[in-house]
Protein backbone atom coordinates (compact mmCIF):
# COMPACT_ATOMS: atom_id res chain seq x y z
CA MET A 1 29.40 117.68 -88.65
CA GLU A 2 31.95 118.35 -91.36
CA ARG A 3 35.14 116.91 -91.59
CA LYS A 4 38.07 119.20 -91.58
CA VAL A 5 41.07 116.89 -90.83
CA ALA A 6 41.59 112.97 -92.69
CA VAL A 7 42.84 110.51 -90.65
CA VAL A 8 45.60 107.89 -92.48
CA THR A 9 46.82 105.08 -91.07
CA ASP A 10 48.28 101.48 -92.59
CA SER A 11 47.16 97.77 -93.06
CA THR A 12 49.19 96.97 -89.72
CA ALA A 13 47.06 98.68 -87.70
CA TYR A 14 44.33 96.32 -88.63
CA LEU A 15 40.98 98.03 -87.54
CA PRO A 16 37.89 96.30 -87.89
CA ALA A 17 36.50 97.09 -91.57
CA GLU A 18 33.38 98.64 -89.96
CA LEU A 19 35.25 101.33 -87.87
CA ALA A 20 37.41 102.40 -90.72
CA LYS A 21 33.99 102.54 -92.63
CA GLU A 22 32.17 104.43 -90.00
CA TYR A 23 35.38 107.11 -89.14
CA GLU A 24 36.32 107.25 -93.04
CA ILE A 25 39.83 106.47 -92.08
CA ARG A 26 42.34 105.91 -94.79
CA ILE A 27 44.41 102.52 -94.95
CA VAL A 28 48.03 102.61 -96.72
CA PRO A 29 49.06 99.13 -97.41
CA LEU A 30 52.05 97.17 -96.67
CA TYR A 31 53.23 94.79 -99.36
CA LEU A 32 53.20 90.72 -98.46
CA ILE A 33 56.19 88.97 -100.87
CA MET A 34 56.44 85.13 -101.19
CA GLY A 35 58.83 83.82 -103.69
CA ASP A 36 57.99 85.50 -106.88
CA GLN A 37 54.57 87.22 -105.90
CA SER A 38 53.48 90.39 -104.01
CA TRP A 39 50.12 91.37 -102.90
CA LEU A 40 48.92 94.36 -101.13
CA ASP A 41 48.58 94.01 -97.61
CA GLY A 42 44.33 93.14 -96.82
CA VAL A 43 43.89 94.23 -100.34
CA ASP A 44 44.94 91.20 -102.55
CA ILE A 45 45.30 89.17 -99.99
CA GLU A 46 43.47 88.19 -96.81
CA PRO A 47 44.53 86.33 -93.77
CA PRO A 48 42.80 82.73 -94.18
CA ALA A 49 43.95 82.89 -98.01
CA PHE A 50 47.45 83.98 -96.77
CA TYR A 51 47.65 81.81 -93.78
CA GLU A 52 46.64 78.63 -96.00
CA LEU A 53 49.27 79.69 -98.18
CA LEU A 54 52.10 79.68 -95.56
CA LYS A 55 51.20 75.99 -94.35
CA THR A 56 52.17 74.96 -98.49
CA SER A 57 54.58 77.66 -99.69
CA PRO A 58 58.39 76.54 -99.60
CA ASP A 59 59.36 80.28 -99.51
CA PHE A 60 59.23 82.59 -96.24
CA PRO A 61 57.16 85.49 -96.39
CA THR A 62 58.89 89.12 -96.46
CA THR A 63 57.25 92.39 -96.02
CA SER A 64 57.61 95.96 -97.62
CA GLN A 65 56.50 99.24 -96.85
CA PRO A 66 54.41 101.32 -99.07
CA ASN A 67 56.84 103.59 -101.22
CA ALA A 68 56.24 107.52 -101.02
CA ALA A 69 54.21 107.67 -104.46
CA ALA A 70 51.29 105.73 -102.74
CA PHE A 71 51.51 108.39 -99.49
CA GLN A 72 51.73 111.46 -101.75
CA GLU A 73 48.91 110.36 -104.37
CA LEU A 74 46.67 109.65 -101.17
CA PHE A 75 47.56 113.08 -99.63
CA VAL A 76 46.91 114.99 -102.94
CA SER A 77 43.54 113.46 -103.49
CA LEU A 78 42.63 114.03 -100.32
CA PHE A 79 43.33 118.00 -100.48
CA GLN A 80 41.55 117.87 -103.50
CA GLU A 81 38.32 116.35 -101.60
CA GLY A 82 38.52 119.73 -99.63
CA VAL A 83 40.15 118.72 -96.32
CA GLU A 84 42.21 121.14 -94.75
CA GLY A 85 44.81 118.77 -92.77
CA ILE A 86 46.26 115.17 -92.57
CA VAL A 87 46.89 113.40 -89.53
CA CYS A 88 48.55 110.25 -90.39
CA VAL A 89 49.20 107.33 -88.04
CA LEU A 90 51.75 104.82 -88.36
CA ILE A 91 53.42 101.46 -87.65
CA SER A 92 56.81 101.71 -85.58
CA SER A 93 59.47 102.99 -87.53
CA ASP A 94 61.92 100.82 -85.75
CA ILE A 95 60.21 98.04 -87.64
CA SER A 96 59.59 99.31 -90.60
CA GLY A 97 60.40 102.13 -93.15
CA THR A 98 56.43 102.99 -93.66
CA VAL A 99 57.03 106.11 -91.61
CA ALA A 100 59.66 107.20 -93.93
CA SER A 101 57.73 107.35 -97.01
CA ALA A 102 55.14 108.92 -95.23
CA GLN A 103 57.67 111.87 -94.68
CA ALA A 104 59.18 111.60 -98.30
CA ALA A 105 55.49 112.34 -99.20
CA ALA A 106 54.71 115.12 -97.14
CA ALA A 107 57.91 116.37 -97.88
CA ASN A 108 57.26 117.15 -101.64
CA LEU A 109 54.00 118.59 -100.43
CA PRO A 110 55.48 121.46 -98.39
CA ASP A 111 52.30 123.87 -98.58
CA LEU A 112 49.72 121.19 -97.77
CA PRO A 113 49.25 120.21 -93.37
CA VAL A 114 50.75 116.77 -92.76
CA GLU A 115 51.25 115.61 -89.41
CA ILE A 116 53.02 112.27 -89.01
CA ILE A 117 52.79 110.32 -85.80
CA ASP A 118 55.03 107.55 -85.18
CA THR A 119 53.23 105.49 -82.90
CA ARG A 120 56.06 102.98 -82.75
CA LEU A 121 53.37 100.40 -82.15
CA THR A 122 51.67 97.93 -84.32
CA ALA A 123 48.58 96.07 -84.32
CA MET A 124 45.56 97.90 -82.45
CA ALA A 125 47.66 99.69 -79.91
CA GLN A 126 48.22 101.61 -83.31
CA GLY A 127 44.55 101.20 -84.34
CA PHE A 128 43.79 102.81 -81.10
CA VAL A 129 45.52 105.76 -81.61
CA ALA A 130 44.17 106.34 -85.31
CA LEU A 131 40.37 105.72 -84.30
CA ALA A 132 41.08 108.50 -81.56
CA ALA A 133 42.39 110.80 -84.17
CA ALA A 134 39.26 109.79 -86.29
CA ARG A 135 36.37 110.00 -83.53
CA ALA A 136 37.93 113.64 -82.92
CA ALA A 137 38.03 114.56 -86.67
CA ALA A 138 34.12 113.31 -87.04
CA ALA A 139 33.33 115.71 -84.02
CA GLY A 140 34.72 118.38 -86.47
CA GLY A 141 38.02 118.74 -84.79
CA GLY A 142 41.05 120.98 -86.50
CA MET A 143 44.55 119.43 -87.17
CA GLN A 144 45.58 120.59 -83.07
CA ALA A 145 42.40 118.50 -81.70
CA VAL A 146 42.88 115.70 -84.12
CA SER A 147 46.67 115.60 -83.42
CA TYR A 148 45.86 115.51 -79.49
CA ALA A 149 43.54 112.86 -79.00
CA ALA A 150 46.32 110.68 -80.68
CA ARG A 151 48.70 111.45 -78.71
CA GLN A 152 46.34 111.32 -75.30
CA VAL A 153 45.63 108.27 -76.02
CA LEU A 154 49.29 107.04 -77.44
CA LYS A 155 50.24 107.75 -73.93
CA THR A 156 48.71 104.83 -72.53
CA ALA A 157 48.27 102.44 -75.58
CA HIS A 158 50.37 99.38 -75.54
CA VAL A 159 50.11 95.70 -76.23
CA TYR A 160 51.32 91.96 -75.07
CA PHE A 161 51.42 89.02 -77.15
CA ILE A 162 52.07 85.45 -77.21
CA VAL A 163 53.76 83.56 -80.46
CA ASP A 164 53.85 79.73 -80.64
CA THR A 165 57.58 80.03 -81.95
CA LEU A 166 59.81 82.56 -82.40
CA GLU A 167 61.01 81.56 -85.74
CA TYR A 168 58.98 83.81 -87.72
CA LEU A 169 59.99 86.88 -86.10
CA HIS A 170 63.54 85.90 -86.06
CA ARG A 171 63.65 84.93 -89.79
CA GLY A 172 61.91 88.12 -90.49
CA GLY A 173 64.18 90.20 -88.81
CA ARG A 174 61.70 91.93 -86.18
CA ILE A 175 62.73 89.78 -83.00
CA GLY A 176 64.30 92.79 -81.29
CA ALA A 177 65.43 92.58 -77.58
CA ALA A 178 63.35 89.26 -77.63
CA ALA A 179 66.21 87.86 -79.12
CA LYS A 180 67.51 86.31 -75.77
CA PHE A 181 64.54 84.02 -75.78
CA LEU A 182 65.86 82.20 -78.20
CA GLY A 183 67.24 78.45 -77.78
CA SER A 184 65.08 78.48 -75.00
CA VAL A 185 63.31 74.92 -74.02
CA LEU A 186 60.90 74.56 -76.93
CA ASN A 187 57.58 74.14 -74.53
CA LEU A 188 58.66 77.54 -72.75
CA LYS A 189 55.90 80.03 -74.23
CA PRO A 190 57.52 83.73 -74.26
CA ILE A 191 55.13 86.46 -73.72
CA LEU A 192 56.58 89.77 -75.58
CA GLU A 193 55.22 93.51 -76.01
CA LEU A 194 56.31 96.16 -78.06
CA ARG A 195 58.39 98.61 -75.78
CA ASP A 196 60.51 101.80 -77.17
CA GLY A 197 59.14 100.80 -80.78
CA ILE A 198 60.64 97.30 -81.18
CA VAL A 199 59.93 93.97 -79.76
CA GLN A 200 60.74 93.12 -76.15
CA PRO A 201 60.75 89.89 -73.96
CA VAL A 202 58.42 90.42 -70.79
CA THR A 203 58.88 86.71 -69.34
CA LYS A 204 58.39 82.82 -70.58
CA VAL A 205 55.99 80.08 -68.94
CA ARG A 206 55.87 76.33 -69.87
CA THR A 207 52.48 76.54 -71.32
CA ARG A 208 49.87 78.43 -73.22
CA ARG A 209 47.29 78.23 -70.68
CA LYS A 210 49.93 79.91 -67.85
CA ALA A 211 51.17 82.14 -70.60
CA LEU A 212 47.68 83.45 -71.12
CA GLU A 213 47.12 84.15 -66.96
CA LYS A 214 50.48 86.31 -66.80
CA VAL A 215 48.84 88.28 -69.33
CA TYR A 216 46.20 88.84 -67.15
CA GLU A 217 48.41 89.45 -64.17
CA LEU A 218 49.88 91.89 -65.95
CA LEU A 219 46.75 93.71 -67.35
CA ALA A 220 44.98 93.75 -63.44
CA ALA A 221 48.75 95.46 -62.54
CA ARG A 222 48.16 98.09 -65.13
CA PHE A 223 44.77 98.40 -64.23
CA PRO A 224 44.12 97.82 -60.61
CA GLY A 225 40.24 99.44 -60.72
CA GLY A 226 38.36 102.02 -61.67
CA ASP A 227 39.84 102.65 -65.53
CA GLN A 228 37.93 103.19 -68.53
CA ILE A 229 39.91 100.69 -70.14
CA HIS A 230 39.61 100.11 -74.66
CA MET A 231 40.80 96.28 -75.32
CA ALA A 232 41.25 94.52 -78.55
CA VAL A 233 41.91 91.20 -79.09
CA PHE A 234 43.93 90.18 -82.32
CA HIS A 235 45.27 87.21 -83.58
CA VAL A 236 47.20 85.18 -86.31
CA ALA A 237 44.71 82.44 -87.54
CA ALA A 238 43.52 82.00 -83.46
CA ARG A 239 39.85 82.95 -83.95
CA GLU A 240 38.32 80.48 -81.40
CA GLU A 241 41.27 81.03 -78.91
CA ALA A 242 40.90 85.29 -79.41
CA ALA A 243 36.97 84.76 -78.54
CA ARG A 244 38.00 82.64 -75.27
CA VAL A 245 40.70 85.57 -74.18
CA ALA A 246 37.94 88.20 -74.84
CA ARG A 247 35.54 86.48 -73.04
CA GLN A 248 37.90 86.35 -69.87
CA LEU A 249 39.14 90.32 -70.78
CA GLU A 250 35.18 91.07 -70.08
CA THR A 251 34.40 89.42 -67.29
CA ARG A 252 37.83 90.34 -65.60
CA PHE A 253 38.21 94.15 -66.47
CA HIS A 254 34.80 95.32 -67.84
CA PRO A 255 36.18 97.49 -70.72
CA VAL A 256 34.62 100.46 -72.10
CA GLU A 257 35.27 99.09 -75.72
CA LEU A 258 36.56 95.27 -76.55
CA MET A 259 36.74 93.87 -79.93
CA ILE A 260 38.28 91.31 -81.95
CA ALA A 261 40.97 92.00 -84.78
CA GLU A 262 42.51 89.80 -87.64
CA CYS A 263 45.93 89.93 -87.95
CA SER A 264 46.47 91.51 -91.31
CA PRO A 265 48.90 88.99 -93.42
CA VAL A 266 51.96 91.64 -92.94
CA ILE A 267 52.06 91.22 -89.30
CA GLY A 268 50.81 87.84 -89.37
CA ALA A 269 53.90 86.99 -91.56
CA HIS A 270 56.33 88.02 -88.85
CA ALA A 271 54.32 86.95 -86.13
CA GLY A 272 53.45 83.56 -87.38
CA PRO A 273 50.07 81.59 -86.70
CA GLY A 274 49.06 81.18 -83.45
CA THR A 275 49.89 84.10 -82.29
CA VAL A 276 47.33 85.93 -80.03
CA GLY A 277 47.48 89.23 -78.10
CA VAL A 278 45.98 92.10 -75.99
CA ALA A 279 46.43 95.90 -77.18
CA PHE A 280 45.09 98.34 -74.79
CA TYR A 281 44.79 101.75 -73.52
CA ASN A 282 43.42 103.59 -70.42
CA GLU A 283 41.31 106.11 -71.08
CA ILE A 284 41.90 109.97 -71.21
CA ASP A 285 39.93 113.28 -71.27
CA LEU A 286 39.65 114.10 -74.61
CA THR A 287 37.56 116.56 -74.98
CA LEU A 288 38.06 119.02 -77.68
CA ASP A 289 39.40 122.64 -77.20
CA SER A 290 36.13 124.33 -78.23
CA SER A 291 38.65 126.84 -80.10
CA ASP A 292 40.04 124.34 -82.28
CA VAL A 293 36.38 123.03 -83.87
């Protein structure tokens, strides 16, 4: 079926490459900066190379959003390819200027239908929103149907994550309300979430194992049974642990969709090595309105 709508997201969604390709999701990369070097996230440098560099570089990494020109060039090229509209699903505007860049680009193209969705999320919670939009687009949906699918998933999309240290979030300026955990006893492991667009504290426990068990408890409280859950485990240089978490999620929650995603360097720079999290949403009826297909 011919696609009427293109779906765009940014590199912090870190959708598995095969899904982004299958559903023709266009990805605009953010910038990673370390010392006098800069890279396009996920384009010029892949996660393993970045995390190896992070171990040895004296410079602390910083990040930057794409500029408006990057979005405008992509928007124009998509309309030249024949799409009727674009739905753009992006990282929280509270932690990145990416939404503002996309809005500026859309404002420069007033005759082209572009809808920008500020997910107020990142990671695969954002990725699931983009994926829902792209699946609706692949089914032939118009702007209304594609936007509806994205916003329905956005109602329940959420993320919990555990970091080894708050140093990266603090130094990168993304610590949000989790700053209350700074100065805690070193062996305490904070559990965090993205809520209201920023990093928020959930609780802290004494060991990594207990932190993961607490995440499972939080998920069980959200999904007491009979739910159609989509889940993704994401990690920063913690592949084996992510695989163990995925096995636990499969056993405990039987999700209808489960994947493992490695964080892009931009998110890895802020969360730090050893970060593991779970993004998820509870399936809602995403049936396309027949009048919009």
